[in-house]
N, C-alpha and C. Protein backbone atom coordinates (compact mmCIF):
# COMPACT_ATOMS: atom_id res chain seq x y z
N MET A 1 -41.62 43.64 -157.03
CA MET A 1 -42.30 44.74 -156.13
C MET A 1 -42.63 44.29 -154.62
N ILE A 2 -42.56 45.21 -153.55
CA ILE A 2 -42.59 45.04 -152.32
C ILE A 2 -43.72 46.30 -151.99
N LEU A 3 -44.28 45.73 -151.24
CA LEU A 3 -45.00 47.00 -150.24
C LEU A 3 -44.36 47.35 -148.74
N ARG A 4 -44.22 48.37 -148.31
CA ARG A 4 -43.86 48.45 -146.83
C ARG A 4 -43.90 49.82 -145.81
N ALA A 5 -44.01 49.93 -145.04
CA ALA A 5 -43.94 51.44 -144.49
C ALA A 5 -42.60 51.85 -144.83
N ALA A 6 -42.86 52.99 -145.43
CA ALA A 6 -41.83 54.11 -145.32
C ALA A 6 -40.86 54.25 -144.19
N THR A 7 -39.52 54.67 -144.28
CA THR A 7 -38.44 55.06 -143.42
C THR A 7 -38.38 56.52 -143.42
N THR A 8 -37.98 57.25 -142.23
CA THR A 8 -37.49 58.15 -142.08
C THR A 8 -36.54 59.19 -143.16
N SER A 9 -35.93 58.08 -143.54
CA SER A 9 -34.93 58.54 -144.77
C SER A 9 -35.77 58.67 -146.07
N GLU A 10 -36.39 57.81 -146.38
CA GLU A 10 -36.94 58.16 -147.48
C GLU A 10 -38.06 59.04 -147.77
N LEU A 11 -38.40 59.80 -146.78
CA LEU A 11 -39.60 60.83 -146.75
C LEU A 11 -38.99 62.08 -147.76
N PRO A 12 -37.98 62.61 -147.51
CA PRO A 12 -37.60 63.45 -148.70
C PRO A 12 -37.60 62.65 -150.28
N ALA A 13 -37.60 61.75 -150.57
CA ALA A 13 -37.57 61.26 -152.00
C ALA A 13 -39.12 60.83 -151.97
N VAL A 14 -40.02 60.59 -151.10
CA VAL A 14 -41.61 60.49 -151.08
C VAL A 14 -42.40 61.99 -151.63
N LEU A 15 -41.66 63.14 -151.19
CA LEU A 15 -42.33 64.39 -151.72
C LEU A 15 -41.77 64.34 -153.22
N THR A 16 -40.43 64.20 -153.55
CA THR A 16 -40.29 64.36 -154.82
C THR A 16 -41.19 63.56 -155.69
N PHE A 17 -41.13 61.93 -155.45
CA PHE A 17 -41.86 61.24 -156.15
C PHE A 17 -43.90 61.73 -156.01
N TRP A 18 -44.40 62.44 -155.14
CA TRP A 18 -45.35 63.16 -155.15
C TRP A 18 -45.47 64.09 -156.03
N GLN A 19 -44.04 64.83 -156.40
CA GLN A 19 -44.34 65.88 -157.39
C GLN A 19 -44.95 65.72 -158.72
N GLU A 20 -44.19 64.34 -159.14
CA GLU A 20 -44.32 63.52 -160.55
C GLU A 20 -45.75 62.59 -160.63
N ALA A 21 -45.98 62.41 -159.45
CA ALA A 21 -47.15 61.10 -159.63
C ALA A 21 -48.44 61.29 -159.00
N ALA A 22 -48.38 62.41 -158.10
CA ALA A 22 -49.47 62.70 -157.81
C ALA A 22 -50.46 63.84 -157.74
N GLU A 23 -51.72 63.88 -157.64
CA GLU A 23 -52.76 64.77 -157.77
C GLU A 23 -52.27 66.06 -156.68
N ASN A 24 -51.80 67.17 -157.39
CA ASN A 24 -50.96 68.35 -156.22
C ASN A 24 -51.98 69.73 -156.61
N ASP A 25 -53.38 69.28 -157.46
CA ASP A 25 -54.04 70.52 -157.49
C ASP A 25 -55.12 70.71 -156.44
N ASN A 26 -55.30 72.13 -155.66
CA ASN A 26 -56.43 72.21 -155.36
C ASN A 26 -56.19 71.81 -153.45
N ARG A 27 -54.95 71.61 -153.06
CA ARG A 27 -54.11 71.12 -151.85
C ARG A 27 -53.37 71.87 -151.50
N PRO A 28 -52.89 71.75 -149.86
CA PRO A 28 -51.65 72.86 -149.49
C PRO A 28 -50.49 71.97 -149.97
N VAL A 29 -49.63 72.80 -150.20
CA VAL A 29 -48.24 72.19 -150.47
C VAL A 29 -47.59 71.25 -149.30
N ASP A 30 -47.49 69.79 -150.08
CA ASP A 30 -46.79 68.96 -149.07
C ASP A 30 -45.39 69.63 -148.37
N THR A 31 -45.13 69.39 -146.89
CA THR A 31 -43.86 70.07 -146.82
C THR A 31 -43.12 68.69 -146.28
N VAL A 32 -41.77 68.83 -145.61
CA VAL A 32 -40.99 67.76 -145.15
C VAL A 32 -41.43 67.73 -143.75
N GLU A 33 -41.62 68.90 -143.08
CA GLU A 33 -42.54 69.00 -141.68
C GLU A 33 -43.53 68.09 -141.64
N ALA A 34 -44.53 68.59 -142.70
CA ALA A 34 -45.79 67.87 -142.07
C ALA A 34 -45.44 65.98 -142.95
N VAL A 35 -45.11 65.93 -143.71
CA VAL A 35 -45.11 64.34 -143.86
C VAL A 35 -43.81 63.96 -142.40
N THR A 36 -43.01 64.29 -142.01
CA THR A 36 -42.46 64.05 -140.53
C THR A 36 -43.43 63.84 -139.78
N ALA A 37 -43.83 65.05 -139.40
CA ALA A 37 -44.82 64.68 -138.45
C ALA A 37 -46.26 63.92 -138.50
N LEU A 38 -46.23 63.50 -139.61
CA LEU A 38 -47.07 61.93 -140.07
C LEU A 38 -46.48 60.37 -139.85
N HIS A 39 -45.31 60.71 -140.06
CA HIS A 39 -44.17 59.56 -139.91
C HIS A 39 -44.41 59.52 -138.30
N ARG A 40 -44.10 60.68 -137.93
CA ARG A 40 -43.55 60.50 -136.05
C ARG A 40 -44.82 59.87 -135.47
N ARG A 41 -46.29 60.04 -135.96
CA ARG A 41 -47.29 60.10 -135.40
C ARG A 41 -47.46 58.77 -135.51
N ASP A 42 -47.24 58.18 -137.06
CA ASP A 42 -48.24 56.95 -137.34
C ASP A 42 -47.09 56.64 -138.22
N PRO A 43 -45.76 55.44 -138.09
CA PRO A 43 -44.88 55.14 -139.09
C PRO A 43 -45.15 54.39 -139.76
N ALA A 44 -46.36 53.63 -139.54
CA ALA A 44 -46.97 52.55 -140.80
C ALA A 44 -47.89 53.23 -141.51
N ALA A 45 -48.29 54.18 -141.46
CA ALA A 45 -49.37 55.07 -142.22
C ALA A 45 -49.21 55.15 -143.43
N LEU A 46 -47.76 55.72 -144.04
CA LEU A 46 -47.15 56.08 -145.28
C LEU A 46 -46.87 54.42 -145.78
N ILE A 47 -47.70 53.69 -147.03
CA ILE A 47 -47.23 52.55 -147.67
C ILE A 47 -46.56 53.08 -148.79
N LEU A 48 -45.45 52.30 -148.87
CA LEU A 48 -44.64 52.55 -150.14
C LEU A 48 -44.92 51.02 -151.19
N ALA A 49 -44.85 51.45 -152.39
CA ALA A 49 -44.97 50.32 -153.35
C ALA A 49 -43.20 50.61 -153.77
N LEU A 50 -42.63 49.78 -153.65
CA LEU A 50 -40.79 49.71 -154.16
C LEU A 50 -40.56 48.53 -155.07
N ASP A 51 -39.83 48.94 -156.22
CA ASP A 51 -39.43 48.04 -156.66
C ASP A 51 -37.92 48.27 -157.08
N GLY A 52 -37.23 47.24 -156.06
CA GLY A 52 -35.82 47.52 -156.02
C GLY A 52 -35.88 48.86 -155.05
N ASP A 53 -35.18 49.69 -155.37
CA ASP A 53 -34.66 51.22 -154.61
C ASP A 53 -35.98 51.96 -154.65
N GLU A 54 -36.57 52.11 -155.83
CA GLU A 54 -37.52 52.95 -156.42
C GLU A 54 -38.71 52.74 -156.17
N ILE A 55 -39.06 53.98 -155.79
CA ILE A 55 -40.75 54.39 -155.27
C ILE A 55 -41.33 54.39 -156.45
N VAL A 56 -42.14 53.16 -156.74
CA VAL A 56 -43.55 53.46 -157.76
C VAL A 56 -45.17 53.60 -157.42
N GLY A 57 -44.91 53.51 -156.25
CA GLY A 57 -46.40 53.89 -155.45
C GLY A 57 -46.30 54.51 -153.96
N THR A 58 -47.74 55.01 -153.49
CA THR A 58 -47.65 55.41 -152.23
C THR A 58 -48.90 55.52 -151.92
N VAL A 59 -49.17 55.31 -150.94
CA VAL A 59 -50.76 55.37 -150.36
C VAL A 59 -50.69 55.47 -148.51
N ILE A 60 -51.19 56.77 -148.40
CA ILE A 60 -51.41 56.90 -146.74
C ILE A 60 -52.45 56.32 -145.95
N ALA A 61 -52.77 55.15 -145.48
CA ALA A 61 -53.60 54.60 -144.55
C ALA A 61 -53.88 55.01 -143.25
N GLY A 62 -54.24 56.41 -143.25
CA GLY A 62 -54.66 57.20 -141.51
C GLY A 62 -55.49 56.30 -140.80
N TRP A 63 -55.46 56.15 -139.57
CA TRP A 63 -56.30 55.83 -138.76
C TRP A 63 -56.33 56.73 -137.42
N ASP A 64 -57.56 57.46 -137.11
CA ASP A 64 -57.63 58.25 -136.00
C ASP A 64 -58.21 57.49 -135.06
N GLY A 65 -58.02 56.18 -134.81
CA GLY A 65 -58.56 55.88 -133.64
C GLY A 65 -60.08 55.26 -133.92
N TRP A 66 -60.77 56.03 -134.99
CA TRP A 66 -62.33 55.99 -135.35
C TRP A 66 -62.67 55.32 -136.70
N ARG A 67 -61.83 56.35 -137.31
CA ARG A 67 -62.40 56.17 -138.86
C ARG A 67 -61.05 55.91 -139.66
N CYS A 68 -60.75 55.34 -141.00
CA CYS A 68 -59.95 54.98 -141.70
C CYS A 68 -59.89 56.18 -143.06
N HIS A 69 -59.04 56.99 -143.32
CA HIS A 69 -58.98 57.83 -144.13
C HIS A 69 -57.47 57.35 -145.10
N LEU A 70 -57.78 57.35 -146.13
CA LEU A 70 -57.16 56.85 -147.62
C LEU A 70 -56.29 58.48 -147.92
N TYR A 71 -55.35 58.96 -148.36
CA TYR A 71 -54.45 59.76 -148.85
C TYR A 71 -53.23 59.59 -149.82
N ARG A 72 -53.68 60.12 -150.86
CA ARG A 72 -51.89 60.46 -151.48
C ARG A 72 -51.84 59.03 -152.35
N LEU A 73 -53.31 58.63 -152.62
CA LEU A 73 -52.65 57.31 -153.79
C LEU A 73 -52.00 57.95 -154.82
N ALA A 74 -50.96 57.71 -155.25
CA ALA A 74 -50.08 57.98 -156.34
C ALA A 74 -49.46 56.71 -156.64
N VAL A 75 -49.12 56.49 -158.07
CA VAL A 75 -48.47 55.61 -159.06
C VAL A 75 -47.79 56.43 -159.89
N ALA A 76 -46.57 55.98 -160.13
CA ALA A 76 -45.66 56.40 -160.98
C ALA A 76 -46.18 56.77 -162.63
N PRO A 77 -46.08 57.71 -163.24
CA PRO A 77 -47.17 57.81 -164.43
C PRO A 77 -46.59 56.19 -165.39
N ALA A 78 -45.56 56.07 -165.77
CA ALA A 78 -44.82 55.22 -166.28
C ALA A 78 -45.45 53.51 -165.75
N ARG A 79 -45.81 53.53 -164.54
CA ARG A 79 -46.18 52.18 -164.19
C ARG A 79 -47.44 52.21 -163.69
N ARG A 80 -48.49 52.69 -164.41
CA ARG A 80 -49.79 52.81 -164.15
C ARG A 80 -50.42 51.93 -164.85
N ARG A 81 -51.49 51.08 -164.10
CA ARG A 81 -52.43 50.13 -164.78
C ARG A 81 -51.63 48.63 -164.70
N ALA A 82 -51.23 48.48 -163.88
CA ALA A 82 -49.79 47.25 -163.73
C ALA A 82 -50.81 46.74 -162.26
N GLY A 83 -51.66 47.19 -161.66
CA GLY A 83 -51.59 46.55 -160.32
C GLY A 83 -51.15 47.20 -158.79
N ILE A 84 -50.63 48.10 -159.54
CA ILE A 84 -49.65 48.81 -158.17
C ILE A 84 -50.82 49.39 -157.13
N GLY A 85 -51.35 50.15 -157.83
CA GLY A 85 -52.34 51.13 -157.11
C GLY A 85 -53.65 50.27 -156.38
N GLY A 86 -53.92 48.94 -156.60
CA GLY A 86 -54.99 48.20 -156.20
C GLY A 86 -54.03 47.35 -155.09
N ARG A 87 -52.98 47.37 -155.54
CA ARG A 87 -52.17 46.49 -154.53
C ARG A 87 -51.58 47.38 -153.11
N LEU A 88 -51.78 48.77 -153.67
CA LEU A 88 -51.62 49.43 -152.35
C LEU A 88 -53.38 49.73 -151.56
N ILE A 89 -54.06 49.72 -152.49
CA ILE A 89 -55.47 49.98 -151.83
C ILE A 89 -55.70 48.56 -150.90
N ALA A 90 -55.67 47.56 -151.38
CA ALA A 90 -55.33 46.20 -150.66
C ALA A 90 -54.74 46.37 -148.94
N ALA A 91 -53.46 46.83 -149.61
CA ALA A 91 -52.43 46.67 -148.35
C ALA A 91 -52.91 47.87 -147.29
N ALA A 92 -53.43 49.13 -147.67
CA ALA A 92 -54.17 49.81 -146.61
C ALA A 92 -55.41 49.24 -145.98
N GLU A 93 -56.42 48.75 -146.63
CA GLU A 93 -57.73 48.43 -146.61
C GLU A 93 -57.08 46.81 -145.04
N GLU A 94 -56.52 46.27 -145.52
CA GLU A 94 -55.79 44.96 -144.68
C GLU A 94 -55.23 45.85 -143.18
N ARG A 95 -54.63 46.80 -143.24
CA ARG A 95 -54.24 47.67 -142.15
C ARG A 95 -55.44 48.19 -141.46
N PHE A 96 -56.06 48.66 -141.90
CA PHE A 96 -57.66 49.06 -141.25
C PHE A 96 -58.41 48.03 -140.77
N ARG A 97 -58.69 46.78 -141.27
CA ARG A 97 -59.31 45.66 -140.74
C ARG A 97 -58.19 45.30 -139.63
N SER A 98 -57.22 45.34 -139.14
CA SER A 98 -56.05 45.16 -138.39
C SER A 98 -56.12 45.94 -137.10
N PHE A 99 -56.88 47.11 -137.40
CA PHE A 99 -57.37 47.94 -136.10
C PHE A 99 -58.75 47.48 -135.90
N GLY A 100 -59.70 46.84 -136.50
CA GLY A 100 -61.06 46.76 -136.53
C GLY A 100 -62.01 47.82 -136.89
N GLY A 101 -61.27 48.68 -137.99
CA GLY A 101 -61.91 49.41 -138.89
C GLY A 101 -63.28 48.83 -139.80
N THR A 102 -64.23 49.68 -139.88
CA THR A 102 -65.14 48.70 -140.66
C THR A 102 -65.97 49.77 -142.52
N ARG A 103 -64.99 50.71 -142.31
CA ARG A 103 -65.39 51.65 -143.53
C ARG A 103 -64.17 52.66 -143.90
N ALA A 104 -63.71 52.96 -144.87
CA ALA A 104 -62.68 53.76 -145.26
C ALA A 104 -63.13 54.97 -146.38
N ASP A 105 -62.53 55.56 -146.04
CA ASP A 105 -62.81 57.21 -147.07
C ASP A 105 -61.65 57.30 -147.66
N ALA A 106 -62.29 57.54 -148.93
CA ALA A 106 -60.63 58.45 -149.58
C ALA A 106 -60.90 59.49 -150.06
N MET A 107 -59.98 60.52 -150.12
CA MET A 107 -59.92 61.76 -150.53
C MET A 107 -59.65 61.86 -152.23
N VAL A 108 -60.60 62.11 -153.20
CA VAL A 108 -60.37 62.11 -154.46
C VAL A 108 -61.28 63.16 -154.91
N LEU A 109 -60.41 64.33 -155.78
CA LEU A 109 -60.91 65.42 -156.52
C LEU A 109 -62.31 64.95 -157.54
N ASP A 110 -62.92 65.92 -157.41
CA ASP A 110 -63.99 65.54 -158.17
C ASP A 110 -63.67 65.67 -159.78
N ALA A 111 -62.59 66.42 -159.87
CA ALA A 111 -62.15 66.26 -161.55
C ALA A 111 -60.99 65.47 -161.77
N ASN A 112 -60.69 64.55 -161.38
CA ASN A 112 -59.66 63.94 -161.37
C ASN A 112 -60.29 62.35 -161.52
N GLU A 113 -60.84 62.46 -163.14
CA GLU A 113 -61.17 61.52 -163.66
C GLU A 113 -60.82 59.73 -163.78
N THR A 114 -59.46 60.00 -163.77
CA THR A 114 -57.89 59.11 -163.58
C THR A 114 -58.57 58.20 -162.49
N ALA A 115 -58.55 58.73 -161.28
CA ALA A 115 -58.37 58.29 -160.06
C ALA A 115 -59.67 57.85 -160.09
N HIS A 116 -60.98 58.58 -160.73
CA HIS A 116 -62.01 57.51 -160.49
C HIS A 116 -62.14 56.09 -160.75
N ARG A 117 -61.31 55.75 -161.94
CA ARG A 117 -61.73 54.70 -162.24
C ARG A 117 -60.92 54.02 -161.37
N ILE A 118 -60.00 53.82 -160.76
CA ILE A 118 -59.20 52.92 -159.63
C ILE A 118 -60.05 52.50 -158.43
N TRP A 119 -60.85 53.92 -158.00
CA TRP A 119 -61.52 53.81 -156.87
C TRP A 119 -62.97 52.87 -157.22
N LYS A 120 -63.49 53.27 -158.18
CA LYS A 120 -64.53 52.54 -158.55
C LYS A 120 -64.47 51.10 -158.88
N ARG A 121 -63.27 50.68 -159.29
CA ARG A 121 -62.73 49.32 -159.37
C ARG A 121 -62.68 48.24 -158.02
N HIS A 122 -62.27 49.36 -157.10
CA HIS A 122 -61.92 48.57 -155.92
C HIS A 122 -63.21 48.56 -155.17
N GLY A 123 -64.19 49.39 -155.43
CA GLY A 123 -65.58 49.11 -154.83
C GLY A 123 -65.75 50.64 -154.00
N TYR A 124 -65.11 51.56 -154.14
CA TYR A 124 -65.76 52.97 -153.51
C TYR A 124 -66.50 53.94 -154.41
N ALA A 125 -67.10 54.65 -153.67
CA ALA A 125 -68.48 55.54 -154.70
C ALA A 125 -68.28 56.86 -153.92
N PRO A 126 -68.78 57.95 -154.81
CA PRO A 126 -68.83 59.29 -154.00
C PRO A 126 -70.23 59.05 -152.89
N GLN A 127 -70.13 59.68 -151.93
CA GLN A 127 -71.06 59.49 -150.77
C GLN A 127 -71.63 60.93 -151.12
N ALA A 128 -72.91 60.79 -151.89
CA ALA A 128 -74.27 62.02 -152.18
C ALA A 128 -74.36 62.72 -150.74
N GLU A 129 -74.54 62.01 -149.78
CA GLU A 129 -74.92 62.90 -148.41
C GLU A 129 -74.29 63.73 -147.86
N TRP A 130 -72.59 63.75 -147.95
CA TRP A 130 -71.58 64.44 -147.55
C TRP A 130 -71.27 65.45 -147.77
N SER A 131 -70.51 66.20 -147.68
CA SER A 131 -69.70 67.21 -148.55
C SER A 131 -68.37 67.44 -147.58
N ARG A 132 -67.14 67.59 -148.31
CA ARG A 132 -66.18 68.07 -147.35
C ARG A 132 -66.28 69.32 -147.06
N TRP A 133 -66.22 69.96 -145.91
CA TRP A 133 -65.78 71.50 -145.83
C TRP A 133 -64.53 71.48 -144.90
N VAL A 134 -64.05 72.58 -145.25
CA VAL A 134 -62.48 72.61 -144.95
C VAL A 134 -62.32 73.98 -144.87
N LYS A 135 -61.36 74.14 -143.72
CA LYS A 135 -60.97 75.84 -143.38
C LYS A 135 -59.43 76.02 -143.42
N PRO A 136 -58.29 76.81 -144.17
CA PRO A 136 -57.03 76.39 -143.88
C PRO A 136 -56.64 77.25 -142.59
N LEU A 137 -55.70 76.41 -142.03
CA LEU A 137 -55.30 77.10 -140.48
C LEU A 137 -53.85 77.75 -140.73
């Protein structure tokens, strides 16, 4: 298994992968246009875990020049609990350190208890002092 940035040609496969492997509740639908815009702005932000040509995991390690944000940590259901998610988190954190980042935040749905376990195992915790405020555009 290797970890590397997604290529433009892999973006449609990433969207298909997310339909099976990612948390899709309470969020806007992912589109080719949106993931292409992400890739165009920051080609290294979308990190893939690949077993041969098969996508087995993803994470978006977004850096806005000030803050470090993690999104779309997803592992193929049949490959969970094999360390893939942890390797993706470590790769994202290394990317952030290379930019001088000092703290990362992860978007995790409150009801996604399966996801809570991996984030806790890797040192993340909910921050009680903050709430996320959103507005659809």
